Amino acid sequence: MAKRLAITIMALGLWAATACKQPSTTTSSNPTAKPGASSTPDQFANARGYYAKDCQTCHGANGEGGPVKLEDGTRLKVPSLREGHALRHSDEEFTKQITKGGDGMPAFEKKLTSDQMNELIRFIRHEFQGK
């Protein structure tokens, strides 16, 4: 009985091992996708990185803004990206603010390309303003 059980277990193990090596019958429209990757890529992945690196310290993880103390001791009241005048800014006004800075905000014209700024604005509109 024990010998029969051992043979059955070995046969099942061999079957499982060979079944795992069979090629997948599903096809992907993204040949560079990694196994287990989400089927819907994050269209804002790059912009999330820019935001985390260049904006989050002052505007907050969720774009809420608020009082901020800079490394040099300067205190700022950073506007929310979720409400108020940020909702009324055109994309051009956002681009100008990001590019030139002002009112305590540094200029990013030498840190971000115009394409990166546009991605960042689309990210802000989508994530914080529901547009």
C-alpha atoms as a PDB file:
ATOM      1  CA  MET A   1       0.000   0.000   0.000  1.00  0.00           C
ATOM      2  CA  ALA A   2       2.782   2.464   0.921  1.00  0.00           C
ATOM      3  CA  LYS A   3       4.649   1.609  -2.307  1.00  0.00           C
ATOM      4  CA  ARG A   4       1.516   2.286  -4.372  1.00  0.00           C
ATOM      5  CA  LEU A   5       0.969   5.645  -2.593  1.00  0.00           C
ATOM      6  CA  ALA A   6       4.597   6.635  -3.218  1.00  0.00           C
ATOM      7  CA  ILE A   7       4.278   5.785  -6.940  1.00  0.00           C
ATOM      8  CA  THR A   8       1.055   7.785  -7.195  1.00  0.00           C
ATOM      9  CA  ILE A   9       2.651  10.791  -5.501  1.00  0.00           C
ATOM     10  CA  MET A  10       5.695  10.585  -7.784  1.00  0.00           C
ATOM     11  CA  ALA A  11       3.475  10.343 -10.851  1.00  0.00           C
ATOM     12  CA  LEU A  12       1.465  13.388  -9.776  1.00  0.00           C
ATOM     13  CA  GLY A  13       4.689  15.318  -9.095  1.00  0.00           C
ATOM     14  CA  LEU A  14       6.050  14.409 -12.530  1.00  0.00           C
ATOM     15  CA  TRP A  15       2.774  15.418 -14.170  1.00  0.00           C
ATOM     16  CA  ALA A  16       2.753  18.748 -12.291  1.00  0.00           C
ATOM     17  CA  ALA A  17       6.366  19.450 -13.248  1.00  0.00           C
ATOM     18  CA  THR A  18       5.747  18.806 -16.949  1.00  0.00           C
ATOM     19  CA  ALA A  19       2.452  20.730 -16.928  1.00  0.00           C
ATOM     20  CA  CYS A  20       4.264  23.801 -15.583  1.00  0.00           C
ATOM     21  CA  LYS A  21       6.731  23.689 -18.481  1.00  0.00           C
ATOM     22  CA  GLN A  22       4.056  23.795 -21.192  1.00  0.00           C
ATOM     23  CA  PRO A  23       4.037  27.016 -23.215  1.00  0.00           C
ATOM     24  CA  SER A  24       1.328  29.477 -22.373  1.00  0.00           C
ATOM     25  CA  THR A  25      -1.607  29.553 -24.742  1.00  0.00           C
ATOM     26  CA  THR A  26      -2.440  33.146 -23.914  1.00  0.00           C
ATOM     27  CA  THR A  27      -0.998  35.895 -26.034  1.00  0.00           C
ATOM     28  CA  SER A  28       0.012  39.344 -24.976  1.00  0.00           C
ATOM     29  CA  SER A  29      -0.199  42.509 -27.008  1.00  0.00           C
ATOM     30  CA  ASN A  30       2.914  43.639 -25.116  1.00  0.00           C
ATOM     31  CA  PRO A  31       5.810  41.297 -25.953  1.00  0.00           C
ATOM     32  CA  THR A  32       8.072  43.019 -23.394  1.00  0.00           C
ATOM     33  CA  ALA A  33       5.608  42.613 -20.525  1.00  0.00           C
ATOM     34  CA  LYS A  34       6.998  40.772 -17.527  1.00  0.00           C
ATOM     35  CA  PRO A  35       5.193  37.685 -16.244  1.00  0.00           C
ATOM     36  CA  GLY A  36       2.695  38.639 -13.601  1.00  0.00           C
ATOM     37  CA  ALA A  37       2.689  42.251 -14.743  1.00  0.00           C
ATOM     38  CA  SER A  38      -0.550  44.132 -14.659  1.00  0.00           C
ATOM     39  CA  SER A  39      -2.493  43.895 -17.892  1.00  0.00           C
ATOM     40  CA  THR A  40      -3.218  47.613 -17.689  1.00  0.00           C
ATOM     41  CA  PRO A  41       0.001  49.597 -17.596  1.00  0.00           C
ATOM     42  CA  ASP A  42       0.116  52.734 -15.468  1.00  0.00           C
ATOM     43  CA  GLN A  43       0.016  55.557 -17.991  1.00  0.00           C
ATOM     44  CA  PHE A  44       1.223  57.931 -15.258  1.00  0.00           C
ATOM     45  CA  ALA A  45       4.187  55.862 -14.006  1.00  0.00           C
ATOM     46  CA  ASN A  46       6.801  58.384 -15.169  1.00  0.00           C
ATOM     47  CA  ALA A  47       4.809  61.365 -13.926  1.00  0.00           C
ATOM     48  CA  ARG A  48       4.383  59.701 -10.524  1.00  0.00           C
ATOM     49  CA  GLY A  49       8.173  59.552 -10.351  1.00  0.00           C
ATOM     50  CA  TYR A  50       8.568  63.232 -11.275  1.00  0.00           C
ATOM     51  CA  TYR A  51       5.910  64.183  -8.739  1.00  0.00           C
ATOM     52  CA  ALA A  52       7.507  62.094  -5.966  1.00  0.00           C
ATOM     53  CA  LYS A  53      10.949  63.536  -6.693  1.00  0.00           C
ATOM     54  CA  ASP A  54      10.174  67.184  -7.396  1.00  0.00           C
ATOM     55  CA  CYS A  55       6.711  68.066  -6.038  1.00  0.00           C
ATOM     56  CA  GLN A  56       5.679  65.829  -3.171  1.00  0.00           C
ATOM     57  CA  THR A  57       7.886  67.445  -0.527  1.00  0.00           C
ATOM     58  CA  CYS A  58       5.878  70.669  -0.749  1.00  0.00           C
ATOM     59  CA  HIS A  59       2.534  69.703  -2.302  1.00  0.00           C
ATOM     60  CA  GLY A  60       2.165  66.476  -0.295  1.00  0.00           C
ATOM     61  CA  ALA A  61       1.630  62.887  -1.362  1.00  0.00           C
ATOM     62  CA  ASN A  62      -1.994  63.593  -2.253  1.00  0.00           C
ATOM     63  CA  GLY A  63      -1.593  67.111  -3.639  1.00  0.00           C
ATOM     64  CA  GLU A  64      -3.128  68.671  -0.532  1.00  0.00           C
ATOM     65  CA  GLY A  65      -0.477  71.376  -0.057  1.00  0.00           C
ATOM     66  CA  GLY A  66      -0.427  73.250   3.236  1.00  0.00           C
ATOM     67  CA  PRO A  67       2.263  74.781   5.440  1.00  0.00           C
ATOM     68  CA  VAL A  68       5.795  73.666   4.625  1.00  0.00           C
ATOM     69  CA  LYS A  69       9.124  74.458   6.235  1.00  0.00           C
ATOM     70  CA  LEU A  70      11.998  74.326   3.757  1.00  0.00           C
ATOM     71  CA  GLU A  71      15.540  73.195   4.587  1.00  0.00           C
ATOM     72  CA  ASP A  72      16.692  76.826   4.808  1.00  0.00           C
ATOM     73  CA  GLY A  73      13.991  77.533   7.417  1.00  0.00           C
ATOM     74  CA  THR A  74      11.662  79.368   5.035  1.00  0.00           C
ATOM     75  CA  ARG A  75       7.991  78.709   5.726  1.00  0.00           C
ATOM     76  CA  LEU A  76       5.535  78.535   2.847  1.00  0.00           C
ATOM     77  CA  LYS A  77       1.823  77.997   2.513  1.00  0.00           C
ATOM     78  CA  VAL A  78       1.778  75.698  -0.491  1.00  0.00           C
ATOM     79  CA  PRO A  79      -1.470  75.682  -2.470  1.00  0.00           C
ATOM     80  CA  SER A  80      -3.501  72.542  -2.856  1.00  0.00           C
ATOM     81  CA  LEU A  81      -3.569  70.945  -6.287  1.00  0.00           C
ATOM     82  CA  ARG A  82      -6.996  69.492  -5.438  1.00  0.00           C
ATOM     83  CA  GLU A  83      -9.072  72.611  -4.884  1.00  0.00           C
ATOM     84  CA  GLY A  84      -9.228  76.368  -5.162  1.00  0.00           C
ATOM     85  CA  HIS A  85      -7.401  78.228  -7.880  1.00  0.00           C
ATOM     86  CA  ALA A  86      -5.483  75.118  -9.031  1.00  0.00           C
ATOM     87  CA  LEU A  87      -8.752  73.819 -10.467  1.00  0.00           C
ATOM     88  CA  ARG A  88      -9.131  76.952 -12.571  1.00  0.00           C
ATOM     89  CA  HIS A  89      -5.555  77.037 -13.923  1.00  0.00           C
ATOM     90  CA  SER A  90      -5.222  76.263 -17.597  1.00  0.00           C
ATOM     91  CA  ASP A  91      -2.536  73.815 -18.681  1.00  0.00           C
ATOM     92  CA  GLU A  92      -0.563  76.802 -19.989  1.00  0.00           C
ATOM     93  CA  GLU A  93      -0.693  78.471 -16.563  1.00  0.00           C
ATOM     94  CA  PHE A  94       0.499  75.258 -14.889  1.00  0.00           C
ATOM     95  CA  THR A  95       3.313  74.978 -17.440  1.00  0.00           C
ATOM     96  CA  LYS A  96       4.394  78.573 -16.787  1.00  0.00           C
ATOM     97  CA  GLN A  97       4.358  78.032 -13.000  1.00  0.00           C
ATOM     98  CA  ILE A  98       6.349  74.802 -13.254  1.00  0.00           C
ATOM     99  CA  THR A  99       8.793  76.301 -15.753  1.00  0.00           C
ATOM    100  CA  LYS A 100       9.447  79.676 -14.114  1.00  0.00           C
ATOM    101  CA  GLY A 101       8.429  79.030 -10.512  1.00  0.00           C
ATOM    102  CA  GLY A 102       7.501  81.968  -8.310  1.00  0.00           C
ATOM    103  CA  ASP A 103       5.759  82.648  -4.996  1.00  0.00           C
ATOM    104  CA  GLY A 104       8.262  80.383  -3.269  1.00  0.00           C
ATOM    105  CA  MET A 105       8.115  77.621  -5.867  1.00  0.00           C
ATOM    106  CA  PRO A 106      11.413  76.861  -7.591  1.00  0.00           C
ATOM    107  CA  ALA A 107      11.712  76.901 -11.379  1.00  0.00           C
ATOM    108  CA  PHE A 108      11.934  73.497 -13.042  1.00  0.00           C
ATOM    109  CA  GLU A 109      12.837  74.641 -16.564  1.00  0.00           C
ATOM    110  CA  LYS A 110      16.303  73.048 -16.206  1.00  0.00           C
ATOM    111  CA  LYS A 111      15.094  69.929 -14.376  1.00  0.00           C
ATOM    112  CA  LEU A 112      12.117  68.829 -16.475  1.00  0.00           C
ATOM    113  CA  THR A 113      11.551  68.781 -20.218  1.00  0.00           C
ATOM    114  CA  SER A 114       8.360  70.212 -21.675  1.00  0.00           C
ATOM    115  CA  ASP A 115       7.128  66.645 -22.307  1.00  0.00           C
ATOM    116  CA  GLN A 116       7.779  65.734 -18.662  1.00  0.00           C
ATOM    117  CA  MET A 117       5.912  68.845 -17.528  1.00  0.00           C
ATOM    118  CA  ASN A 118       2.962  67.925 -19.744  1.00  0.00           C
ATOM    119  CA  GLU A 119       2.928  64.401 -18.299  1.00  0.00           C
ATOM    120  CA  LEU A 120       3.019  65.886 -14.812  1.00  0.00           C
ATOM    121  CA  ILE A 121       0.091  68.201 -15.571  1.00  0.00           C
ATOM    122  CA  ARG A 122      -1.966  65.292 -16.967  1.00  0.00           C
ATOM    123  CA  PHE A 123      -1.118  63.312 -13.818  1.00  0.00           C
ATOM    124  CA  ILE A 124      -2.220  66.192 -11.560  1.00  0.00           C
ATOM    125  CA  ARG A 125      -5.454  66.607 -13.518  1.00  0.00           C
ATOM    126  CA  HIS A 126      -6.204  62.884 -13.309  1.00  0.00           C
ATOM    127  CA  GLU A 127      -5.068  62.046  -9.773  1.00  0.00           C
ATOM    128  CA  PHE A 128      -5.906  65.180  -7.836  1.00  0.00           C
ATOM    129  CA  GLN A 129      -8.577  66.937  -9.844  1.00  0.00           C
ATOM    130  CA  GLY A 130     -10.590  64.020 -11.172  1.00  0.00           C
ATOM    131  CA  LYS A 131     -10.306  65.102 -14.800  1.00  0.00           C
END
